[in-house]
Amino acid sequence: MLSMALRKTGRSILLSLSPGAAPVEKIDEMRVYAQMWRISDDVWDLWHSTVDYPQGLGDQFSRSPSGRCFRARPLA
């Protein structure tokens, strides 16, 4: 697993997951393996979109976890 390989280097390396919007129900699992993850899909230079892709900045608010804050564990 990538997170284990990074730990074996003995250096502080931040692992950021970018699979699109992070599944909030998997927050505990993400905290084990990464220090950072995305909270939205790709954002393009428009406010609203009428199609699924690309999405605009304004389209992300309804898809985010309502102002909830999720923190990863600190780097060792």
C-alpha atoms as a PDB file:
ATOM      1  CA  MET A   1       0.000   0.000   0.000  1.00  0.00           C
ATOM      2  CA  LEU A   2       1.264   3.476  -0.869  1.00  0.00           C
ATOM      3  CA  SER A   3       0.806   4.921   2.630  1.00  0.00           C
ATOM      4  CA  MET A   4       2.965   2.138   4.133  1.00  0.00           C
ATOM      5  CA  ALA A   5       5.720   2.678   1.572  1.00  0.00           C
ATOM      6  CA  LEU A   6       5.787   6.405   2.333  1.00  0.00           C
ATOM      7  CA  ARG A   7       6.063   5.726   6.084  1.00  0.00           C
ATOM      8  CA  LYS A   8       9.047   3.404   5.485  1.00  0.00           C
ATOM      9  CA  THR A   9      11.066   6.270   3.997  1.00  0.00           C
ATOM     10  CA  GLY A  10      11.422   7.794   7.463  1.00  0.00           C
ATOM     11  CA  ARG A  11      10.579  11.223   6.047  1.00  0.00           C
ATOM     12  CA  SER A  12       7.453  13.318   6.557  1.00  0.00           C
ATOM     13  CA  ILE A  13       5.635  12.969   3.245  1.00  0.00           C
ATOM     14  CA  LEU A  14       2.049  14.152   2.907  1.00  0.00           C
ATOM     15  CA  LEU A  15      -0.303  11.775   1.074  1.00  0.00           C
ATOM     16  CA  SER A  16      -3.214  13.514  -0.635  1.00  0.00           C
ATOM     17  CA  LEU A  17      -6.038  11.437  -2.118  1.00  0.00           C
ATOM     18  CA  SER A  18      -7.734  12.778  -5.224  1.00  0.00           C
ATOM     19  CA  PRO A  19     -10.427  10.365  -6.379  1.00  0.00           C
ATOM     20  CA  GLY A  20     -12.999  13.120  -6.877  1.00  0.00           C
ATOM     21  CA  ALA A  21     -15.284  14.042  -4.022  1.00  0.00           C
ATOM     22  CA  ALA A  22     -14.311  12.107  -0.886  1.00  0.00           C
ATOM     23  CA  PRO A  23     -16.930   9.695   0.441  1.00  0.00           C
ATOM     24  CA  VAL A  24     -17.672  11.171   3.873  1.00  0.00           C
ATOM     25  CA  GLU A  25     -18.858   7.802   5.171  1.00  0.00           C
ATOM     26  CA  LYS A  26     -15.246   6.539   4.713  1.00  0.00           C
ATOM     27  CA  ILE A  27     -13.686   9.354   6.781  1.00  0.00           C
ATOM     28  CA  ASP A  28     -12.145   7.039   9.405  1.00  0.00           C
ATOM     29  CA  GLU A  29     -10.481   4.904   6.740  1.00  0.00           C
ATOM     30  CA  MET A  30      -9.140   7.961   4.892  1.00  0.00           C
ATOM     31  CA  ARG A  31      -7.644   9.307   8.135  1.00  0.00           C
ATOM     32  CA  VAL A  32      -5.628   6.103   8.545  1.00  0.00           C
ATOM     33  CA  TYR A  33      -4.006   6.282   5.113  1.00  0.00           C
ATOM     34  CA  ALA A  34      -3.828   9.951   4.105  1.00  0.00           C
ATOM     35  CA  GLN A  35      -3.347  13.431   5.517  1.00  0.00           C
ATOM     36  CA  MET A  36      -5.377  15.275   2.887  1.00  0.00           C
ATOM     37  CA  TRP A  37      -8.242  14.510   0.494  1.00  0.00           C
ATOM     38  CA  ARG A  38     -10.531  16.293  -1.900  1.00  0.00           C
ATOM     39  CA  ILE A  39     -13.927  17.468  -0.762  1.00  0.00           C
ATOM     40  CA  SER A  40     -15.332  18.283  -4.204  1.00  0.00           C
ATOM     41  CA  ASP A  41     -15.185  17.241  -7.818  1.00  0.00           C
ATOM     42  CA  ASP A  42     -13.196  19.187 -10.421  1.00  0.00           C
ATOM     43  CA  VAL A  43     -14.114  22.872 -10.471  1.00  0.00           C
ATOM     44  CA  TRP A  44     -14.078  24.811 -13.725  1.00  0.00           C
ATOM     45  CA  ASP A  45     -14.115  28.547 -14.394  1.00  0.00           C
ATOM     46  CA  LEU A  46     -17.876  28.956 -14.297  1.00  0.00           C
ATOM     47  CA  TRP A  47     -20.387  29.380 -11.493  1.00  0.00           C
ATOM     48  CA  HIS A  48     -23.129  26.920 -12.495  1.00  0.00           C
ATOM     49  CA  SER A  49     -23.340  24.204 -15.105  1.00  0.00           C
ATOM     50  CA  THR A  50     -26.352  22.496 -16.665  1.00  0.00           C
ATOM     51  CA  VAL A  51     -24.439  19.252 -17.296  1.00  0.00           C
ATOM     52  CA  ASP A  52     -22.800  16.703 -14.954  1.00  0.00           C
ATOM     53  CA  TYR A  53     -19.287  17.565 -16.161  1.00  0.00           C
ATOM     54  CA  PRO A  54     -17.728  20.074 -15.945  1.00  0.00           C
ATOM     55  CA  GLN A  55     -19.126  21.511 -12.736  1.00  0.00           C
ATOM     56  CA  GLY A  56     -18.824  25.120 -11.622  1.00  0.00           C
ATOM     57  CA  LEU A  57     -17.831  26.464  -8.235  1.00  0.00           C
ATOM     58  CA  GLY A  58     -21.428  27.216  -7.202  1.00  0.00           C
ATOM     59  CA  ASP A  59     -22.419  23.634  -8.019  1.00  0.00           C
ATOM     60  CA  GLN A  60     -20.051  22.262  -5.359  1.00  0.00           C
ATOM     61  CA  PHE A  61     -21.826  23.756  -2.328  1.00  0.00           C
ATOM     62  CA  SER A  62     -24.829  21.451  -2.587  1.00  0.00           C
ATOM     63  CA  ARG A  63     -22.490  18.462  -2.913  1.00  0.00           C
ATOM     64  CA  SER A  64     -20.250  19.230   0.066  1.00  0.00           C
ATOM     65  CA  PRO A  65     -20.850  17.906   3.594  1.00  0.00           C
ATOM     66  CA  SER A  66     -22.712  21.040   4.810  1.00  0.00           C
ATOM     67  CA  GLY A  67     -19.880  22.915   6.457  1.00  0.00           C
ATOM     68  CA  ARG A  68     -18.678  19.910   8.438  1.00  0.00           C
ATOM     69  CA  CYS A  69     -14.967  19.932   9.149  1.00  0.00           C
ATOM     70  CA  PHE A  70     -12.930  16.760   8.769  1.00  0.00           C
ATOM     71  CA  ARG A  71      -9.358  16.690   9.992  1.00  0.00           C
ATOM     72  CA  ALA A  72      -6.676  14.140   9.269  1.00  0.00           C
ATOM     73  CA  ARG A  73      -4.161  12.944  11.802  1.00  0.00           C
ATOM     74  CA  PRO A  74      -0.983  15.067  12.055  1.00  0.00           C
ATOM     75  CA  LEU A  75       2.162  14.004  10.195  1.00  0.00           C
ATOM     76  CA  ALA A  76       4.513  11.968  12.372  1.00  0.00           C
END
